[in-house]
């Protein structure tokens, strides 16, 4: 019974909106802190050995704030969730290389690595499902569909 409710369009669109908002919330939350503490973000990138740490920090802020907000709004959803999935894979590989660690540090980074992998799964599911009706993309699609001419006019 519960499963059949979720497959009805009345539940599908609100759930897709919630999915977009929850995924974006994570990125915006941490992206905002990277933005307001940009010097610290650059220092962190240097510590991690990122080439061009200022550029890497700027990419992180761009992906985690405006791109995540666009996903939340459902704007260019499919291409942006694919881009975000690639970004998330990069952050997993660069930011959480648990295979180079041991002890508690390895355990904490392994958890975060696989959380990133799970986030990628959610992003890919959103790519397949699309943004839903409550999205800017849906509004644009409705406006771009030519209306049939009314023979009575």
C-alpha atoms as a PDB file:
ATOM      1  CA  UNK A   1       0.000   0.000   0.000  1.00  0.00           C
ATOM      2  CA  UNK A   2       2.714   2.503   0.989  1.00  0.00           C
ATOM      3  CA  UNK A   3       4.716   1.621  -2.127  1.00  0.00           C
ATOM      4  CA  UNK A   4       1.749   2.306  -4.404  1.00  0.00           C
ATOM      5  CA  UNK A   5       1.271   5.744  -2.793  1.00  0.00           C
ATOM      6  CA  UNK A   6       4.854   6.709  -3.632  1.00  0.00           C
ATOM      7  CA  UNK A   7       4.359   5.863  -7.303  1.00  0.00           C
ATOM      8  CA  UNK A   8       1.444   8.240  -7.685  1.00  0.00           C
ATOM      9  CA  UNK A   9       2.286  11.610  -9.246  1.00  0.00           C
ATOM     10  CA  UNK A  10       0.788  13.356  -6.225  1.00  0.00           C
ATOM     11  CA  UNK A  11       3.651  11.991  -4.065  1.00  0.00           C
ATOM     12  CA  UNK A  12       6.384  11.872  -6.720  1.00  0.00           C
ATOM     13  CA  UNK A  13       6.796  15.609  -7.265  1.00  0.00           C
ATOM     14  CA  UNK A  14       6.928  16.657  -3.601  1.00  0.00           C
ATOM     15  CA  UNK A  15       9.422  13.851  -2.914  1.00  0.00           C
ATOM     16  CA  UNK A  16      11.653  14.988  -5.787  1.00  0.00           C
ATOM     17  CA  UNK A  17      11.534  18.530  -4.410  1.00  0.00           C
ATOM     18  CA  UNK A  18      12.487  17.248  -0.956  1.00  0.00           C
ATOM     19  CA  UNK A  19      15.315  15.179  -2.474  1.00  0.00           C
ATOM     20  CA  UNK A  20      16.719  18.227  -4.298  1.00  0.00           C
ATOM     21  CA  UNK A  21      16.482  20.378  -1.162  1.00  0.00           C
ATOM     22  CA  UNK A  22      18.149  17.799   1.091  1.00  0.00           C
ATOM     23  CA  UNK A  23      21.022  17.166  -1.308  1.00  0.00           C
ATOM     24  CA  UNK A  24      21.560  20.887  -1.853  1.00  0.00           C
ATOM     25  CA  UNK A  25      21.347  21.649   1.874  1.00  0.00           C
ATOM     26  CA  UNK A  26      24.452  19.576   2.587  1.00  0.00           C
ATOM     27  CA  UNK A  27      26.501  21.354  -0.067  1.00  0.00           C
ATOM     28  CA  UNK A  28      25.264  24.870   0.712  1.00  0.00           C
ATOM     29  CA  UNK A  29      25.864  24.416   4.436  1.00  0.00           C
ATOM     30  CA  UNK A  30      29.528  23.528   3.976  1.00  0.00           C
ATOM     31  CA  UNK A  31      30.040  25.667   0.886  1.00  0.00           C
ATOM     32  CA  UNK A  32      28.898  28.765   2.756  1.00  0.00           C
ATOM     33  CA  UNK A  33      31.494  28.144   5.453  1.00  0.00           C
ATOM     34  CA  UNK A  34      34.126  27.728   2.732  1.00  0.00           C
ATOM     35  CA  UNK A  35      33.028  31.038   1.228  1.00  0.00           C
ATOM     36  CA  UNK A  36      33.027  33.109   4.422  1.00  0.00           C
ATOM     37  CA  UNK A  37      36.283  31.512   5.552  1.00  0.00           C
ATOM     38  CA  UNK A  38      37.879  31.533   2.127  1.00  0.00           C
ATOM     39  CA  UNK A  39      41.445  32.018   3.402  1.00  0.00           C
ATOM     40  CA  UNK A  40      41.026  28.951   5.602  1.00  0.00           C
ATOM     41  CA  UNK A  41      39.624  27.023   2.649  1.00  0.00           C
ATOM     42  CA  UNK A  42      42.698  27.906   0.593  1.00  0.00           C
ATOM     43  CA  UNK A  43      44.935  26.833   3.498  1.00  0.00           C
ATOM     44  CA  UNK A  44      43.047  23.526   3.715  1.00  0.00           C
ATOM     45  CA  UNK A  45      43.528  22.974  -0.025  1.00  0.00           C
ATOM     46  CA  UNK A  46      47.251  23.642   0.406  1.00  0.00           C
ATOM     47  CA  UNK A  47      47.351  21.179   3.307  1.00  0.00           C
ATOM     48  CA  UNK A  48      45.649  18.522   1.154  1.00  0.00           C
ATOM     49  CA  UNK A  49      48.220  19.119  -1.594  1.00  0.00           C
ATOM     50  CA  UNK A  50      45.718  20.416  -4.144  1.00  0.00           C
ATOM     51  CA  UNK A  51      47.390  22.036  -7.139  1.00  0.00           C
ATOM     52  CA  UNK A  52      46.438  25.714  -7.420  1.00  0.00           C
ATOM     53  CA  UNK A  53      44.821  25.809  -3.971  1.00  0.00           C
ATOM     54  CA  UNK A  54      43.102  29.163  -4.575  1.00  0.00           C
ATOM     55  CA  UNK A  55      41.515  27.837  -7.767  1.00  0.00           C
ATOM     56  CA  UNK A  56      40.573  24.586  -6.006  1.00  0.00           C
ATOM     57  CA  UNK A  57      38.947  26.579  -3.184  1.00  0.00           C
ATOM     58  CA  UNK A  58      37.045  28.722  -5.694  1.00  0.00           C
ATOM     59  CA  UNK A  59      35.802  25.606  -7.509  1.00  0.00           C
ATOM     60  CA  UNK A  60      34.642  24.152  -4.187  1.00  0.00           C
ATOM     61  CA  UNK A  61      32.723  27.326  -3.337  1.00  0.00           C
ATOM     62  CA  UNK A  62      31.144  27.552  -6.806  1.00  0.00           C
ATOM     63  CA  UNK A  63      30.069  23.908  -6.757  1.00  0.00           C
ATOM     64  CA  UNK A  64      28.773  24.000  -3.213  1.00  0.00           C
ATOM     65  CA  UNK A  65      26.896  27.290  -3.242  1.00  0.00           C
ATOM     66  CA  UNK A  66      25.517  28.465  -6.624  1.00  0.00           C
ATOM     67  CA  UNK A  67      25.471  25.024  -8.257  1.00  0.00           C
ATOM     68  CA  UNK A  68      23.806  23.451  -5.221  1.00  0.00           C
ATOM     69  CA  UNK A  69      21.267  26.307  -5.078  1.00  0.00           C
ATOM     70  CA  UNK A  70      20.489  25.757  -8.770  1.00  0.00           C
ATOM     71  CA  UNK A  71      19.881  22.072  -8.046  1.00  0.00           C
ATOM     72  CA  UNK A  72      17.604  23.026  -5.144  1.00  0.00           C
ATOM     73  CA  UNK A  73      15.635  25.294  -7.467  1.00  0.00           C
ATOM     74  CA  UNK A  74      15.535  22.617 -10.147  1.00  0.00           C
ATOM     75  CA  UNK A  75      17.444  24.726 -12.661  1.00  0.00           C
ATOM     76  CA  UNK A  76      19.501  22.790 -15.238  1.00  0.00           C
ATOM     77  CA  UNK A  77      19.021  19.871 -12.886  1.00  0.00           C
ATOM     78  CA  UNK A  78      20.230  16.956 -14.972  1.00  0.00           C
ATOM     79  CA  UNK A  79      23.527  18.430 -16.191  1.00  0.00           C
ATOM     80  CA  UNK A  80      24.269  19.976 -12.804  1.00  0.00           C
ATOM     81  CA  UNK A  81      23.643  16.786 -10.815  1.00  0.00           C
ATOM     82  CA  UNK A  82      26.062  14.959 -13.121  1.00  0.00           C
ATOM     83  CA  UNK A  83      28.630  17.706 -12.589  1.00  0.00           C
ATOM     84  CA  UNK A  84      27.999  17.552  -8.833  1.00  0.00           C
ATOM     85  CA  UNK A  85      28.417  13.755  -8.897  1.00  0.00           C
ATOM     86  CA  UNK A  86      31.842  14.150 -10.533  1.00  0.00           C
ATOM     87  CA  UNK A  87      32.782  16.861  -8.045  1.00  0.00           C
ATOM     88  CA  UNK A  88      31.667  14.649  -5.152  1.00  0.00           C
ATOM     89  CA  UNK A  89      33.747  11.766  -6.485  1.00  0.00           C
ATOM     90  CA  UNK A  90      36.751  14.083  -6.662  1.00  0.00           C
ATOM     91  CA  UNK A  91      36.230  15.264  -3.104  1.00  0.00           C
ATOM     92  CA  UNK A  92      35.938  11.655  -1.951  1.00  0.00           C
ATOM     93  CA  UNK A  93      39.197  10.670  -3.638  1.00  0.00           C
ATOM     94  CA  UNK A  94      41.159  13.790  -2.659  1.00  0.00           C
ATOM     95  CA  UNK A  95      39.600  14.634   0.689  1.00  0.00           C
ATOM     96  CA  UNK A  96      39.095  11.176   2.201  1.00  0.00           C
ATOM     97  CA  UNK A  97      41.920   8.840   1.063  1.00  0.00           C
ATOM     98  CA  UNK A  98      41.314   6.388   3.904  1.00  0.00           C
ATOM     99  CA  UNK A  99      43.468   3.764   2.180  1.00  0.00           C
ATOM    100  CA  UNK A 100      46.561   5.850   3.046  1.00  0.00           C
ATOM    101  CA  UNK A 101      45.700   6.065   6.761  1.00  0.00           C
ATOM    102  CA  UNK A 102      45.407   3.906   9.826  1.00  0.00           C
ATOM    103  CA  UNK A 103      43.514   3.809  13.096  1.00  0.00           C
ATOM    104  CA  UNK A 104      40.780   6.287  13.968  1.00  0.00           C
ATOM    105  CA  UNK A 105      41.780   8.619  11.125  1.00  0.00           C
ATOM    106  CA  UNK A 106      41.303   5.803   8.615  1.00  0.00           C
ATOM    107  CA  UNK A 107      37.921   4.867  10.078  1.00  0.00           C
ATOM    108  CA  UNK A 108      36.591   8.453  10.019  1.00  0.00           C
ATOM    109  CA  UNK A 109      37.770   9.035   6.461  1.00  0.00           C
ATOM    110  CA  UNK A 110      36.400   5.692   5.275  1.00  0.00           C
ATOM    111  CA  UNK A 111      32.964   6.652   6.611  1.00  0.00           C
ATOM    112  CA  UNK A 112      33.130  10.039   4.863  1.00  0.00           C
ATOM    113  CA  UNK A 113      34.407   8.477   1.637  1.00  0.00           C
ATOM    114  CA  UNK A 114      31.458   6.099   1.467  1.00  0.00           C
ATOM    115  CA  UNK A 115      29.016   8.838   2.452  1.00  0.00           C
ATOM    116  CA  UNK A 116      30.258  10.705  -0.624  1.00  0.00           C
ATOM    117  CA  UNK A 117      29.673   7.562  -2.691  1.00  0.00           C
ATOM    118  CA  UNK A 118      26.115   7.370  -1.312  1.00  0.00           C
ATOM    119  CA  UNK A 119      25.562  11.048  -2.183  1.00  0.00           C
ATOM    120  CA  UNK A 120      26.685  10.262  -5.738  1.00  0.00           C
ATOM    121  CA  UNK A 121      24.023   7.539  -5.794  1.00  0.00           C
ATOM    122  CA  UNK A 122      21.374  10.074  -4.788  1.00  0.00           C
ATOM    123  CA  UNK A 123      22.583  12.521  -7.427  1.00  0.00           C
ATOM    124  CA  UNK A 124      22.440   9.832 -10.113  1.00  0.00           C
ATOM    125  CA  UNK A 125      18.931   8.829  -9.021  1.00  0.00           C
ATOM    126  CA  UNK A 126      17.920  12.487  -9.300  1.00  0.00           C
ATOM    127  CA  UNK A 127      19.438  12.576 -12.791  1.00  0.00           C
ATOM    128  CA  UNK A 128      17.314   9.578 -13.829  1.00  0.00           C
ATOM    129  CA  UNK A 129      14.113  10.821 -12.164  1.00  0.00           C
ATOM    130  CA  UNK A 130      14.516  14.436 -13.215  1.00  0.00           C
ATOM    131  CA  UNK A 131      13.676  17.452 -11.078  1.00  0.00           C
ATOM    132  CA  UNK A 132       9.935  16.875 -10.886  1.00  0.00           C
ATOM    133  CA  UNK A 133       7.125  19.322 -11.407  1.00  0.00           C
ATOM    134  CA  UNK A 134       8.157  21.779  -8.692  1.00  0.00           C
ATOM    135  CA  UNK A 135      11.278  22.972 -10.489  1.00  0.00           C
ATOM    136  CA  UNK A 136      12.397  25.833 -12.683  1.00  0.00           C
ATOM    137  CA  UNK A 137      13.208  23.251 -15.377  1.00  0.00           C
ATOM    138  CA  UNK A 138       9.558  22.152 -15.425  1.00  0.00           C
ATOM    139  CA  UNK A 139       8.418  25.771 -15.694  1.00  0.00           C
ATOM    140  CA  UNK A 140      10.778  26.376 -18.613  1.00  0.00           C
ATOM    141  CA  UNK A 141       9.630  23.166 -20.318  1.00  0.00           C
ATOM    142  CA  UNK A 142       5.969  24.185 -20.005  1.00  0.00           C
ATOM    143  CA  UNK A 143       6.702  27.593 -21.535  1.00  0.00           C
ATOM    144  CA  UNK A 144       8.738  26.190 -24.423  1.00  0.00           C
ATOM    145  CA  UNK A 145       6.044  23.728 -25.567  1.00  0.00           C
ATOM    146  CA  UNK A 146       4.162  25.342 -28.446  1.00  0.00           C
ATOM    147  CA  UNK A 147       0.454  25.587 -27.796  1.00  0.00           C
ATOM    148  CA  UNK A 148      -1.873  24.100 -30.339  1.00  0.00           C
ATOM    149  CA  UNK A 149      -3.734  26.710 -32.293  1.00  0.00           C
ATOM    150  CA  UNK A 150      -7.362  27.063 -31.436  1.00  0.00           C
ATOM    151  CA  UNK A 151      -9.417  26.384 -34.588  1.00  0.00           C
ATOM    152  CA  UNK A 152     -12.342  28.294 -33.090  1.00  0.00           C
ATOM    153  CA  UNK A 153     -10.434  31.575 -33.058  1.00  0.00           C
END
